[in-house]
C-alpha atoms as a PDB file:
ATOM      1  CA  MET A   1      78.845   9.422  -6.139  1.00  0.00           C
ATOM      2  CA  ASP A   2      76.792   7.578  -8.704  1.00  0.00           C
ATOM      3  CA  TYR A   3      73.308   7.817 -10.236  1.00  0.00           C
ATOM      4  CA  ARG A   4      71.812   5.472  -7.637  1.00  0.00           C
ATOM      5  CA  GLU A   5      73.011   7.692  -4.774  1.00  0.00           C
ATOM      6  CA  ALA A   6      71.307  10.591  -6.566  1.00  0.00           C
ATOM      7  CA  GLY A   7      68.003   8.675  -6.384  1.00  0.00           C
ATOM      8  CA  VAL A   8      67.805   6.973  -9.792  1.00  0.00           C
ATOM      9  CA  ASP A   9      68.104   3.172  -9.821  1.00  0.00           C
ATOM     10  CA  VAL A  10      68.899   2.212 -13.419  1.00  0.00           C
ATOM     11  CA  GLU A  11      68.962  -1.511 -12.629  1.00  0.00           C
ATOM     12  CA  ALA A  12      65.513  -1.312 -11.052  1.00  0.00           C
ATOM     13  CA  GLY A  13      64.304   0.435 -14.182  1.00  0.00           C
ATOM     14  CA  ARG A  14      65.635  -2.357 -16.387  1.00  0.00           C
ATOM     15  CA  ALA A  15      64.002  -4.963 -14.148  1.00  0.00           C
ATOM     16  CA  PHE A  16      60.692  -3.093 -14.361  1.00  0.00           C
ATOM     17  CA  VAL A  17      60.816  -3.099 -18.179  1.00  0.00           C
ATOM     18  CA  GLN A  18      61.331  -6.851 -18.108  1.00  0.00           C
ATOM     19  CA  ARG A  19      58.435  -7.242 -15.688  1.00  0.00           C
ATOM     20  CA  ILE A  20      55.942  -5.479 -17.946  1.00  0.00           C
ATOM     21  CA  ARG A  21      57.186  -7.044 -21.201  1.00  0.00           C
ATOM     22  CA  SER A  22      54.520  -9.776 -21.249  1.00  0.00           C
ATOM     23  CA  MET A  23      51.776  -7.230 -20.526  1.00  0.00           C
ATOM     24  CA  VAL A  24      52.804  -5.113 -23.479  1.00  0.00           C
ATOM     25  CA  HIS A  25      53.094  -8.152 -25.748  1.00  0.00           C
ATOM     26  CA  SER A  26      49.523  -9.184 -24.875  1.00  0.00           C
ATOM     27  CA  THR A  27      48.187  -6.119 -26.723  1.00  0.00           C
ATOM     28  CA  THR A  28      50.059  -6.685 -29.991  1.00  0.00           C
ATOM     29  CA  ARG A  29      48.438  -6.409 -33.419  1.00  0.00           C
ATOM     30  CA  PRO A  30      49.623  -7.913 -36.736  1.00  0.00           C
ATOM     31  CA  GLU A  31      50.881  -4.503 -37.848  1.00  0.00           C
ATOM     32  CA  VAL A  32      53.393  -4.194 -34.980  1.00  0.00           C
ATOM     33  CA  LEU A  33      56.975  -4.548 -36.201  1.00  0.00           C
ATOM     34  CA  GLY A  34      60.169  -5.054 -34.218  1.00  0.00           C
ATOM     35  CA  ASN A  35      60.665  -5.881 -30.569  1.00  0.00           C
ATOM     36  CA  PHE A  36      59.623  -4.151 -27.372  1.00  0.00           C
ATOM     37  CA  GLY A  37      62.339  -2.064 -25.732  1.00  0.00           C
ATOM     38  CA  GLY A  38      63.826  -0.200 -28.685  1.00  0.00           C
ATOM     39  CA  PHE A  39      64.207   3.539 -29.052  1.00  0.00           C
ATOM     40  CA  SER A  40      60.914   3.741 -30.945  1.00  0.00           C
ATOM     41  CA  GLY A  41      57.882   1.661 -31.850  1.00  0.00           C
ATOM     42  CA  LEU A  42      57.249   0.500 -35.398  1.00  0.00           C
ATOM     43  CA  PHE A  43      53.777   0.042 -36.832  1.00  0.00           C
ATOM     44  CA  GLN A  44      52.851  -0.853 -40.405  1.00  0.00           C
ATOM     45  CA  LEU A  45      49.711   0.763 -41.837  1.00  0.00           C
ATOM     46  CA  PRO A  46      46.797  -1.681 -42.173  1.00  0.00           C
ATOM     47  CA  THR A  47      45.850  -2.701 -45.700  1.00  0.00           C
ATOM     48  CA  GLY A  48      42.538  -2.014 -47.427  1.00  0.00           C
ATOM     49  CA  TYR A  49      42.522   1.789 -47.251  1.00  0.00           C
ATOM     50  CA  GLN A  50      42.346   3.924 -50.407  1.00  0.00           C
ATOM     51  CA  GLU A  51      43.276   7.220 -48.738  1.00  0.00           C
ATOM     52  CA  PRO A  52      44.289   6.440 -45.155  1.00  0.00           C
ATOM     53  CA  VAL A  53      44.402   9.367 -42.731  1.00  0.00           C
ATOM     54  CA  LEU A  54      46.194   9.084 -39.391  1.00  0.00           C
ATOM     55  CA  VAL A  55      44.416  10.594 -36.388  1.00  0.00           C
ATOM     56  CA  SER A  56      46.218  11.437 -33.140  1.00  0.00           C
ATOM     57  CA  GLY A  57      45.157  12.255 -29.609  1.00  0.00           C
ATOM     58  CA  THR A  58      46.829  12.829 -26.254  1.00  0.00           C
ATOM     59  CA  ASP A  59      45.566  13.235 -22.697  1.00  0.00           C
ATOM     60  CA  GLY A  60      46.144  12.404 -19.040  1.00  0.00           C
ATOM     61  CA  VAL A  61      44.120  11.333 -16.019  1.00  0.00           C
ATOM     62  CA  GLY A  62      44.266  14.599 -14.078  1.00  0.00           C
ATOM     63  CA  THR A  63      43.807  14.854 -10.333  1.00  0.00           C
ATOM     64  CA  LYS A  64      41.976  11.534 -10.213  1.00  0.00           C
ATOM     65  CA  LEU A  65      45.514  10.271  -9.615  1.00  0.00           C
ATOM     66  CA  LYS A  66      45.424  11.924  -6.169  1.00  0.00           C
ATOM     67  CA  LEU A  67      42.642   9.519  -5.227  1.00  0.00           C
ATOM     68  CA  ALA A  68      44.597   6.524  -6.524  1.00  0.00           C
ATOM     69  CA  HIS A  69      47.614   7.664  -4.488  1.00  0.00           C
ATOM     70  CA  SER A  70      45.531   8.177  -1.338  1.00  0.00           C
ATOM     71  CA  LEU A  71      43.896   4.734  -1.574  1.00  0.00           C
ATOM     72  CA  ASP A  72      47.026   3.003  -2.918  1.00  0.00           C
ATOM     73  CA  ARG A  73      44.902   1.515  -5.696  1.00  0.00           C
ATOM     74  CA  HIS A  74      46.434   1.794  -9.129  1.00  0.00           C
ATOM     75  CA  GLU A  75      44.772  -0.883 -11.260  1.00  0.00           C
ATOM     76  CA  THR A  76      42.137   1.344 -12.917  1.00  0.00           C
ATOM     77  CA  VAL A  77      43.825   4.669 -13.743  1.00  0.00           C
ATOM     78  CA  GLY A  78      45.659   3.037 -16.655  1.00  0.00           C
ATOM     79  CA  ILE A  79      42.279   2.221 -18.198  1.00  0.00           C
ATOM     80  CA  ASP A  80      41.321   5.875 -17.711  1.00  0.00           C
ATOM     81  CA  LEU A  81      44.482   6.969 -19.496  1.00  0.00           C
ATOM     82  CA  VAL A  82      43.770   4.867 -22.566  1.00  0.00           C
ATOM     83  CA  ALA A  83      40.063   5.735 -22.577  1.00  0.00           C
ATOM     84  CA  MET A  84      40.626   9.484 -22.574  1.00  0.00           C
ATOM     85  CA  CYS A  85      42.770   9.188 -25.701  1.00  0.00           C
ATOM     86  CA  VAL A  86      41.031   6.485 -27.741  1.00  0.00           C
ATOM     87  CA  ASN A  87      37.545   7.930 -27.195  1.00  0.00           C
ATOM     88  CA  ASP A  88      38.766  11.273 -28.557  1.00  0.00           C
ATOM     89  CA  VAL A  89      40.324   9.666 -31.634  1.00  0.00           C
ATOM     90  CA  LEU A  90      37.134   7.676 -32.162  1.00  0.00           C
ATOM     91  CA  THR A  91      34.942  10.766 -32.595  1.00  0.00           C
ATOM     92  CA  CYS A  92      36.017  11.337 -36.209  1.00  0.00           C
ATOM     93  CA  GLY A  93      35.350   7.698 -37.075  1.00  0.00           C
ATOM     94  CA  ALA A  94      38.931   6.469 -36.612  1.00  0.00           C
ATOM     95  CA  GLU A  95      40.017   3.056 -35.365  1.00  0.00           C
ATOM     96  CA  PRO A  96      42.725   3.353 -32.666  1.00  0.00           C
ATOM     97  CA  LEU A  97      45.857   1.536 -33.834  1.00  0.00           C
ATOM     98  CA  PHE A  98      48.472   2.010 -31.147  1.00  0.00           C
ATOM     99  CA  PHE A  99      49.080   3.713 -27.829  1.00  0.00           C
ATOM    100  CA  LEU A 100      52.141   5.135 -26.055  1.00  0.00           C
ATOM    101  CA  ASP A 101      52.371   6.027 -22.377  1.00  0.00           C
ATOM    102  CA  TYR A 102      54.572   8.331 -20.317  1.00  0.00           C
ATOM    103  CA  LEU A 103      54.868   7.466 -16.637  1.00  0.00           C
ATOM    104  CA  ALA A 104      56.879   9.718 -14.311  1.00  0.00           C
ATOM    105  CA  THR A 105      57.605   9.198 -10.626  1.00  0.00           C
ATOM    106  CA  GLY A 106      59.995  10.333  -7.917  1.00  0.00           C
ATOM    107  CA  LYS A 107      61.187   6.827  -7.073  1.00  0.00           C
ATOM    108  CA  LEU A 108      60.289   3.734  -9.039  1.00  0.00           C
ATOM    109  CA  ASN A 109      57.952   1.427  -7.115  1.00  0.00           C
ATOM    110  CA  ALA A 110      57.774  -1.658  -9.305  1.00  0.00           C
ATOM    111  CA  GLU A 111      54.672  -3.150  -7.673  1.00  0.00           C
ATOM    112  CA  GLN A 112      52.725   0.092  -7.839  1.00  0.00           C
ATOM    113  CA  LEU A 113      53.641   0.932 -11.417  1.00  0.00           C
ATOM    114  CA  ALA A 114      53.077  -2.633 -12.611  1.00  0.00           C
ATOM    115  CA  GLN A 115      49.457  -2.183 -11.516  1.00  0.00           C
ATOM    116  CA  VAL A 116      49.290   0.996 -13.583  1.00  0.00           C
ATOM    117  CA  VAL A 117      50.711  -0.730 -16.665  1.00  0.00           C
ATOM    118  CA  ALA A 118      48.310  -3.638 -16.156  1.00  0.00           C
ATOM    119  CA  GLY A 119      45.478  -1.106 -16.391  1.00  0.00           C
ATOM    120  CA  ILE A 120      46.971   0.449 -19.522  1.00  0.00           C
ATOM    121  CA  THR A 121      47.188  -2.967 -21.190  1.00  0.00           C
ATOM    122  CA  GLU A 122      43.595  -3.734 -20.192  1.00  0.00           C
ATOM    123  CA  GLY A 123      42.490  -0.437 -21.723  1.00  0.00           C
ATOM    124  CA  CYS A 124      44.376  -1.201 -24.926  1.00  0.00           C
ATOM    125  CA  LYS A 125      42.705  -4.611 -25.131  1.00  0.00           C
ATOM    126  CA  GLN A 126      39.282  -3.020 -24.662  1.00  0.00           C
ATOM    127  CA  ALA A 127      40.092  -0.552 -27.451  1.00  0.00           C
ATOM    128  CA  GLY A 128      41.745  -3.128 -29.722  1.00  0.00           C
ATOM    129  CA  CYS A 129      44.951  -1.110 -30.026  1.00  0.00           C
ATOM    130  CA  ALA A 130      48.567  -2.101 -29.419  1.00  0.00           C
ATOM    131  CA  LEU A 131      50.618  -0.730 -26.533  1.00  0.00           C
ATOM    132  CA  LEU A 132      53.520   0.120 -28.803  1.00  0.00           C
ATOM    133  CA  GLY A 133      55.904   1.565 -26.239  1.00  0.00           C
ATOM    134  CA  GLY A 134      56.354   4.206 -23.604  1.00  0.00           C
ATOM    135  CA  GLU A 135      58.665   5.958 -21.186  1.00  0.00           C
ATOM    136  CA  THR A 136      59.160   5.499 -17.452  1.00  0.00           C
ATOM    137  CA  ALA A 137      60.933   8.491 -15.929  1.00  0.00           C
ATOM    138  CA  GLU A 138      62.397   8.398 -12.415  1.00  0.00           C
ATOM    139  CA  MET A 139      62.817  11.990 -11.195  1.00  0.00           C
ATOM    140  CA  PRO A 140      63.894  12.249  -7.527  1.00  0.00           C
ATOM    141  CA  GLY A 141      62.654  15.345  -5.724  1.00  0.00           C
ATOM    142  CA  PHE A 142      60.147  16.243  -8.411  1.00  0.00           C
ATOM    143  CA  TYR A 143      57.208  14.206  -7.080  1.00  0.00           C
ATOM    144  CA  GLN A 144      56.047  13.443  -3.559  1.00  0.00           C
ATOM    145  CA  PRO A 145      56.948   9.940  -2.281  1.00  0.00           C
ATOM    146  CA  GLY A 146      54.548   7.345  -3.689  1.00  0.00           C
ATOM    147  CA  GLU A 147      53.169   9.684  -6.356  1.00  0.00           C
ATOM    148  CA  TYR A 148      53.404   9.470 -10.132  1.00  0.00           C
ATOM    149  CA  ASP A 149      51.936  11.188 -13.175  1.00  0.00           C
ATOM    150  CA  LEU A 150      50.613   9.740 -16.420  1.00  0.00           C
ATOM    151  CA  ALA A 151      50.241  10.923 -19.991  1.00  0.00           C
ATOM    152  CA  GLY A 152      49.078   8.982 -23.030  1.00  0.00           C
ATOM    153  CA  PHE A 153      49.261   9.294 -26.793  1.00  0.00           C
ATOM    154  CA  CYS A 154      47.153   7.429 -29.355  1.00  0.00           C
ATOM    155  CA  VAL A 155      47.209   7.121 -33.144  1.00  0.00           C
ATOM    156  CA  GLY A 156      44.239   5.879 -35.162  1.00  0.00           C
ATOM    157  CA  ILE A 157      43.301   5.541 -38.810  1.00  0.00           C
ATOM    158  CA  VAL A 158      40.279   6.433 -40.922  1.00  0.00           C
ATOM    159  CA  GLU A 159      39.455   6.461 -44.619  1.00  0.00           C
ATOM    160  CA  LYS A 160      39.584  10.079 -45.784  1.00  0.00           C
ATOM    161  CA  SER A 161      36.102   9.894 -47.322  1.00  0.00           C
ATOM    162  CA  ALA A 162      34.670   8.577 -44.027  1.00  0.00           C
ATOM    163  CA  ILE A 163      35.996  11.290 -41.701  1.00  0.00           C
ATOM    164  CA  LEU A 164      33.277  12.766 -39.486  1.00  0.00           C
ATOM    165  CA  ASP A 165      33.959  16.498 -39.329  1.00  0.00           C
ATOM    166  CA  GLY A 166      30.539  18.056 -38.788  1.00  0.00           C
ATOM    167  CA  SER A 167      29.732  18.432 -42.478  1.00  0.00           C
ATOM    168  CA  GLN A 168      27.503  15.329 -42.408  1.00  0.00           C
ATOM    169  CA  VAL A 169      25.297  16.659 -39.587  1.00  0.00           C
ATOM    170  CA  LYS A 170      21.806  17.835 -40.545  1.00  0.00           C
ATOM    171  CA  ILE A 171      19.098  19.744 -38.730  1.00  0.00           C
ATOM    172  CA  GLY A 172      16.715  17.166 -37.286  1.00  0.00           C
ATOM    173  CA  ASP A 173      19.442  14.633 -36.477  1.00  0.00           C
ATOM    174  CA  VAL A 174      18.889  13.036 -33.086  1.00  0.00           C
ATOM    175  CA  ALA A 175      21.525  12.880 -30.361  1.00  0.00           C
ATOM    176  CA  ILE A 176      21.855   9.407 -28.850  1.00  0.00           C
ATOM    177  CA  GLY A 177      23.647   9.555 -25.509  1.00  0.00           C
ATOM    178  CA  LEU A 178      25.622   6.520 -24.353  1.00  0.00           C
ATOM    179  CA  ALA A 179      25.772   6.033 -20.603  1.00  0.00           C
ATOM    180  CA  SER A 180      28.908   6.809 -18.638  1.00  0.00           C
ATOM    181  CA  GLN A 181      30.185   4.599 -15.821  1.00  0.00           C
ATOM    182  CA  GLY A 182      30.409   7.552 -13.448  1.00  0.00           C
ATOM    183  CA  ILE A 183      32.695  10.550 -13.065  1.00  0.00           C
ATOM    184  CA  HIS A 184      35.194   9.129 -15.591  1.00  0.00           C
ATOM    185  CA  SER A 185      38.299  11.381 -15.452  1.00  0.00           C
ATOM    186  CA  ASN A 186      37.092  14.975 -15.287  1.00  0.00           C
ATOM    187  CA  GLY A 187      36.049  17.258 -12.462  1.00  0.00           C
ATOM    188  CA  PHE A 188      38.113  15.632  -9.717  1.00  0.00           C
ATOM    189  CA  SER A 189      39.444  18.919  -8.366  1.00  0.00           C
ATOM    190  CA  LEU A 190      35.847  19.795  -7.442  1.00  0.00           C
ATOM    191  CA  VAL A 191      35.170  16.251  -6.219  1.00  0.00           C
ATOM    192  CA  ARG A 192      38.158  16.360  -3.862  1.00  0.00           C
ATOM    193  CA  LYS A 193      37.195  19.795  -2.567  1.00  0.00           C
ATOM    194  CA  ILE A 194      33.662  18.606  -1.733  1.00  0.00           C
ATOM    195  CA  VAL A 195      34.927  15.465  -0.001  1.00  0.00           C
ATOM    196  CA  ASP A 196      37.610  17.358   1.961  1.00  0.00           C
ATOM    197  CA  ASP A 197      35.490  20.380   2.909  1.00  0.00           C
ATOM    198  CA  ARG A 198      32.571  18.242   4.089  1.00  0.00           C
ATOM    199  CA  GLY A 199      34.829  16.015   6.187  1.00  0.00           C
ATOM    200  CA  TYR A 200      34.253  12.756   4.312  1.00  0.00           C
ATOM    201  CA  ASP A 201      36.704   9.900   3.927  1.00  0.00           C
ATOM    202  CA  TRP A 202      37.211   7.853   0.760  1.00  0.00           C
ATOM    203  CA  GLY A 203      36.037   4.794   2.678  1.00  0.00           C
ATOM    204  CA  ASP A 204      32.682   6.338   3.658  1.00  0.00           C
ATOM    205  CA  ARG A 205      29.562   4.664   2.261  1.00  0.00           C
ATOM    206  CA  PRO A 206      26.689   7.117   1.714  1.00  0.00           C
ATOM    207  CA  ASP A 207      23.224   5.525   1.815  1.00  0.00           C
ATOM    208  CA  SER A 208      22.544   6.133  -1.885  1.00  0.00           C
ATOM    209  CA  PHE A 209      25.616   4.133  -2.982  1.00  0.00           C
ATOM    210  CA  ASN A 210      24.223   0.649  -2.234  1.00  0.00           C
ATOM    211  CA  GLY A 211      27.069  -0.263   0.088  1.00  0.00           C
ATOM    212  CA  GLU A 212      29.912   0.937  -2.152  1.00  0.00           C
ATOM    213  CA  SER A 213      32.450   3.374  -0.772  1.00  0.00           C
ATOM    214  CA  LEU A 214      33.211   6.799  -2.187  1.00  0.00           C
ATOM    215  CA  GLY A 215      36.594   5.475  -3.287  1.00  0.00           C
ATOM    216  CA  ASP A 216      35.019   2.527  -5.109  1.00  0.00           C
ATOM    217  CA  ILE A 217      32.562   4.751  -6.958  1.00  0.00           C
ATOM    218  CA  LEU A 218      35.074   7.432  -7.862  1.00  0.00           C
ATOM    219  CA  LEU A 219      37.801   5.068  -9.073  1.00  0.00           C
ATOM    220  CA  THR A 220      35.422   3.407 -11.552  1.00  0.00           C
ATOM    221  CA  PRO A 221      37.338   3.771 -14.834  1.00  0.00           C
ATOM    222  CA  THR A 222      36.276   5.710 -17.898  1.00  0.00           C
ATOM    223  CA  GLN A 223      34.116   3.733 -20.316  1.00  0.00           C
ATOM    224  CA  ILE A 224      35.851   2.815 -23.583  1.00  0.00           C
ATOM    225  CA  TYR A 225      33.343   3.106 -26.438  1.00  0.00           C
ATOM    226  CA  VAL A 226      35.594   1.965 -29.285  1.00  0.00           C
ATOM    227  CA  LYS A 227      34.310  -1.523 -30.080  1.00  0.00           C
ATOM    228  CA  PRO A 228      30.554  -0.782 -30.065  1.00  0.00           C
ATOM    229  CA  ILE A 229      31.065   2.403 -32.100  1.00  0.00           C
ATOM    230  CA  LEU A 230      33.344   0.769 -34.676  1.00  0.00           C
ATOM    231  CA  GLY A 231      30.842  -2.082 -34.894  1.00  0.00           C
ATOM    232  CA  ALA A 232      28.051   0.385 -35.619  1.00  0.00           C
ATOM    233  CA  LEU A 233      30.085   2.035 -38.374  1.00  0.00           C
ATOM    234  CA  LYS A 234      30.979  -1.348 -39.853  1.00  0.00           C
ATOM    235  CA  GLN A 235      27.299  -2.306 -39.937  1.00  0.00           C
ATOM    236  CA  GLY A 236      26.570   0.853 -41.885  1.00  0.00           C
ATOM    237  CA  LEU A 237      24.598   2.763 -39.254  1.00  0.00           C
ATOM    238  CA  PRO A 238      24.459   6.350 -40.570  1.00  0.00           C
ATOM    239  CA  ILE A 239      26.291   8.159 -37.792  1.00  0.00           C
ATOM    240  CA  HIS A 240      26.681  11.821 -38.754  1.00  0.00           C
ATOM    241  CA  GLY A 241      28.713  13.022 -35.778  1.00  0.00           C
ATOM    242  CA  MET A 242      30.171  11.961 -32.439  1.00  0.00           C
ATOM    243  CA  ALA A 243      31.298  13.647 -29.237  1.00  0.00           C
ATOM    244  CA  HIS A 244      33.283  12.388 -26.250  1.00  0.00           C
ATOM    245  CA  ILE A 245      31.852  14.055 -23.130  1.00  0.00           C
ATOM    246  CA  THR A 246      34.897  15.058 -21.083  1.00  0.00           C
ATOM    247  CA  GLY A 247      35.914  18.285 -19.321  1.00  0.00           C
ATOM    248  CA  GLY A 248      33.240  20.935 -19.720  1.00  0.00           C
ATOM    249  CA  GLY A 249      30.480  18.345 -19.975  1.00  0.00           C
ATOM    250  CA  LEU A 250      27.750  18.403 -22.592  1.00  0.00           C
ATOM    251  CA  PRO A 251      27.779  22.213 -23.088  1.00  0.00           C
ATOM    252  CA  GLU A 252      31.423  22.292 -24.175  1.00  0.00           C
ATOM    253  CA  ASN A 253      31.749  19.015 -26.030  1.00  0.00           C
ATOM    254  CA  LEU A 254      28.515  18.646 -28.029  1.00  0.00           C
ATOM    255  CA  PRO A 255      29.181  21.729 -30.203  1.00  0.00           C
ATOM    256  CA  ARG A 256      32.496  20.194 -31.302  1.00  0.00           C
ATOM    257  CA  CYS A 257      30.692  17.626 -33.481  1.00  0.00           C
ATOM    258  CA  LEU A 258      28.226  20.044 -35.123  1.00  0.00           C
ATOM    259  CA  GLY A 259      28.370  21.705 -38.517  1.00  0.00           C
ATOM    260  CA  ALA A 260      28.113  25.384 -39.316  1.00  0.00           C
ATOM    261  CA  ASP A 261      24.843  27.105 -38.325  1.00  0.00           C
ATOM    262  CA  HIS A 262      23.864  24.224 -36.030  1.00  0.00           C
ATOM    263  CA  ALA A 263      22.950  24.062 -32.377  1.00  0.00           C
ATOM    264  CA  ILE A 264      21.570  21.223 -30.286  1.00  0.00           C
ATOM    265  CA  ALA A 265      18.566  21.077 -27.984  1.00  0.00           C
ATOM    266  CA  VAL A 266      18.999  18.656 -25.073  1.00  0.00           C
ATOM    267  CA  ASP A 267      16.374  17.321 -22.657  1.00  0.00           C
ATOM    268  CA  PRO A 268      18.032  16.277 -19.349  1.00  0.00           C
ATOM    269  CA  SER A 269      14.895  14.394 -18.282  1.00  0.00           C
ATOM    270  CA  THR A 270      15.548  11.720 -20.925  1.00  0.00           C
ATOM    271  CA  TRP A 271      18.235   9.909 -18.942  1.00  0.00           C
ATOM    272  CA  THR A 272      18.891   8.945 -15.337  1.00  0.00           C
ATOM    273  CA  VAL A 273      21.504  11.024 -13.536  1.00  0.00           C
ATOM    274  CA  LEU A 274      23.729   8.672 -11.540  1.00  0.00           C
ATOM    275  CA  PRO A 275      23.638   8.811  -7.709  1.00  0.00           C
ATOM    276  CA  ILE A 276      27.244  10.062  -7.492  1.00  0.00           C
ATOM    277  CA  PHE A 277      26.291  13.249  -9.350  1.00  0.00           C
ATOM    278  CA  GLN A 278      23.233  13.774  -7.167  1.00  0.00           C
ATOM    279  CA  TRP A 279      25.380  13.287  -4.051  1.00  0.00           C
ATOM    280  CA  LEU A 280      28.060  15.738  -5.216  1.00  0.00           C
ATOM    281  CA  ALA A 281      25.457  18.371  -6.093  1.00  0.00           C
ATOM    282  CA  ALA A 282      23.785  18.051  -2.696  1.00  0.00           C
ATOM    283  CA  GLU A 283      26.923  17.840  -0.539  1.00  0.00           C
ATOM    284  CA  GLY A 284      28.775  20.578  -2.392  1.00  0.00           C
ATOM    285  CA  GLU A 285      25.715  22.763  -2.927  1.00  0.00           C
ATOM    286  CA  VAL A 286      26.749  22.869  -6.584  1.00  0.00           C
ATOM    287  CA  SER A 287      24.324  24.585  -8.928  1.00  0.00           C
ATOM    288  CA  PRO A 288      22.760  22.522 -11.738  1.00  0.00           C
ATOM    289  CA  ARG A 289      24.529  24.743 -14.257  1.00  0.00           C
ATOM    290  CA  SER A 290      27.923  24.106 -12.671  1.00  0.00           C
ATOM    291  CA  MET A 291      27.253  20.378 -12.510  1.00  0.00           C
ATOM    292  CA  PHE A 292      26.532  20.208 -16.264  1.00  0.00           C
ATOM    293  CA  HIS A 293      29.537  22.400 -17.082  1.00  0.00           C
ATOM    294  CA  THR A 294      31.902  20.246 -14.988  1.00  0.00           C
ATOM    295  CA  PHE A 295      30.769  16.607 -15.205  1.00  0.00           C
ATOM    296  CA  ASN A 296      29.408  14.257 -17.869  1.00  0.00           C
ATOM    297  CA  MET A 297      26.248  13.796 -15.729  1.00  0.00           C
ATOM    298  CA  GLY A 298      25.794  10.202 -16.865  1.00  0.00           C
ATOM    299  CA  ILE A 299      26.369  10.627 -20.623  1.00  0.00           C
ATOM    300  CA  GLY A 300      29.888   9.674 -21.699  1.00  0.00           C
ATOM    301  CA  PHE A 301      29.590   9.661 -25.493  1.00  0.00           C
ATOM    302  CA  VAL A 302      27.079  10.991 -28.028  1.00  0.00           C
ATOM    303  CA  VAL A 303      26.303   9.945 -31.602  1.00  0.00           C
ATOM    304  CA  LEU A 304      24.163  11.934 -34.029  1.00  0.00           C
ATOM    305  CA  VAL A 305      21.905   9.938 -36.365  1.00  0.00           C
ATOM    306  CA  PRO A 306      18.971  10.711 -38.689  1.00  0.00           C
ATOM    307  CA  ALA A 307      15.597  10.706 -36.953  1.00  0.00           C
ATOM    308  CA  ASP A 308      14.396   7.694 -38.932  1.00  0.00           C
ATOM    309  CA  GLU A 309      17.408   5.662 -37.712  1.00  0.00           C
ATOM    310  CA  VAL A 310      16.889   6.210 -33.990  1.00  0.00           C
ATOM    311  CA  ALA A 311      15.047   2.946 -33.323  1.00  0.00           C
ATOM    312  CA  THR A 312      17.642   0.900 -35.225  1.00  0.00           C
ATOM    313  CA  THR A 313      20.499   2.666 -33.451  1.00  0.00           C
ATOM    314  CA  MET A 314      18.955   2.207 -30.010  1.00  0.00           C
ATOM    315  CA  GLN A 315      18.387  -1.489 -30.690  1.00  0.00           C
ATOM    316  CA  TYR A 316      21.988  -1.896 -31.836  1.00  0.00           C
ATOM    317  CA  PHE A 317      23.375  -0.443 -28.606  1.00  0.00           C
ATOM    318  CA  ALA A 318      20.939  -2.501 -26.538  1.00  0.00           C
ATOM    319  CA  ASP A 319      22.297  -5.604 -28.279  1.00  0.00           C
ATOM    320  CA  GLN A 320      25.812  -4.441 -27.292  1.00  0.00           C
ATOM    321  CA  ASN A 321      24.723  -4.024 -23.645  1.00  0.00           C
ATOM    322  CA  VAL A 322      25.379  -0.274 -23.859  1.00  0.00           C
ATOM    323  CA  ALA A 323      22.675   1.877 -22.257  1.00  0.00           C
ATOM    324  CA  ALA A 324      21.565   4.530 -24.757  1.00  0.00           C
ATOM    325  CA  TYR A 325      19.088   7.416 -24.598  1.00  0.00           C
ATOM    326  CA  ALA A 326      17.640   9.809 -27.196  1.00  0.00           C
ATOM    327  CA  ILE A 327      18.682  13.013 -25.428  1.00  0.00           C
ATOM    328  CA  GLY A 328      18.231  15.782 -27.968  1.00  0.00           C
ATOM    329  CA  GLU A 329      18.001  17.090 -31.516  1.00  0.00           C
ATOM    330  CA  VAL A 330      20.106  19.197 -33.864  1.00  0.00           C
ATOM    331  CA  ILE A 331      18.513  22.576 -34.558  1.00  0.00           C
ATOM    332  CA  ALA A 332      19.506  25.758 -36.354  1.00  0.00           C
ATOM    333  CA  GLY A 333      21.835  27.964 -34.345  1.00  0.00           C
ATOM    334  CA  ASN A 334      25.365  29.083 -33.609  1.00  0.00           C
ATOM    335  CA  GLY A 335      26.884  26.156 -31.761  1.00  0.00           C
ATOM    336  CA  ASP A 336      24.792  26.519 -28.616  1.00  0.00           C
ATOM    337  CA  VAL A 337      23.490  23.732 -26.394  1.00  0.00           C
ATOM    338  CA  VAL A 338      20.012  24.678 -25.252  1.00  0.00           C
ATOM    339  CA  GLY A 339      17.747  23.036 -22.705  1.00  0.00           C
ATOM    340  CA  LEU A 340      20.352  22.565 -19.965  1.00  0.00           C
ATOM    341  CA  PRO A 341      20.154  24.436 -16.640  1.00  0.00           C
ATOM    342  CA  GLU A 342      21.242  28.067 -16.829  1.00  0.00           C
END
């Protein structure tokens, strides 16, 4: 016997690494050292920092991958993978520097996984970070045929004096919500249950979707907010706090950017809830409370700014073609989010 008879094709793995080499190289930054394919990735710290602090984040795509497997469409989940990591790192004011991926499958399908890596490289380009390396694991018998799993890891950098940790937030600061592109990468276990239990197919086109299929809507990748946010910080906009709205929605994620003795009052009428959320609530008979505790509901990222900077901040995001809404205000409290459905 040999390894290939056991289900692991080492030669195919080498060929796959060669296939994605140019994709990885397209994301390089000046700080990248060495060549692709070594045991580790080397990255030199950027110059110009007095007290540089490295910031790390890791995440996956979750059961959204089940949809990609079902539709055999793999070009967007790589963007999701990068987005979930870089948006988290961004919340403390850090610039993402480099990204690593872990891709595991039962049997290596070069065409399928090349689409995934193409999405990862696109996400890295959108975030301005280098795809420094990764791991492709072929594990026969561990995954169903045609299925794979993804995990990502990102490192960013921020000046120590510029870290956003909640201490800058003040009562009266206004929450500016930046629009999401849809479901992003959270809540898909509930999404799949609604679709399955109600007898829908991923190719169905509900009337409210303007001709797009459920699959098209749900595979829309997570918005990457890095470049507009870093641009705002570079311009000197006084951002006091930031939150990435992921699992748990606004109620769980907004308190993570507040200071001690703060809460936040939110007005859901200040932004438009996307049709996909309205459809899921109606078809699944999901309560408003559960919707807000599961999904981003149309707000993917939040920045906190002084009240007298709201107009300037809103104009900045309009100039960046990022839809923004004044959705709430910081108040005294104990980390609660008030104003959402109970």
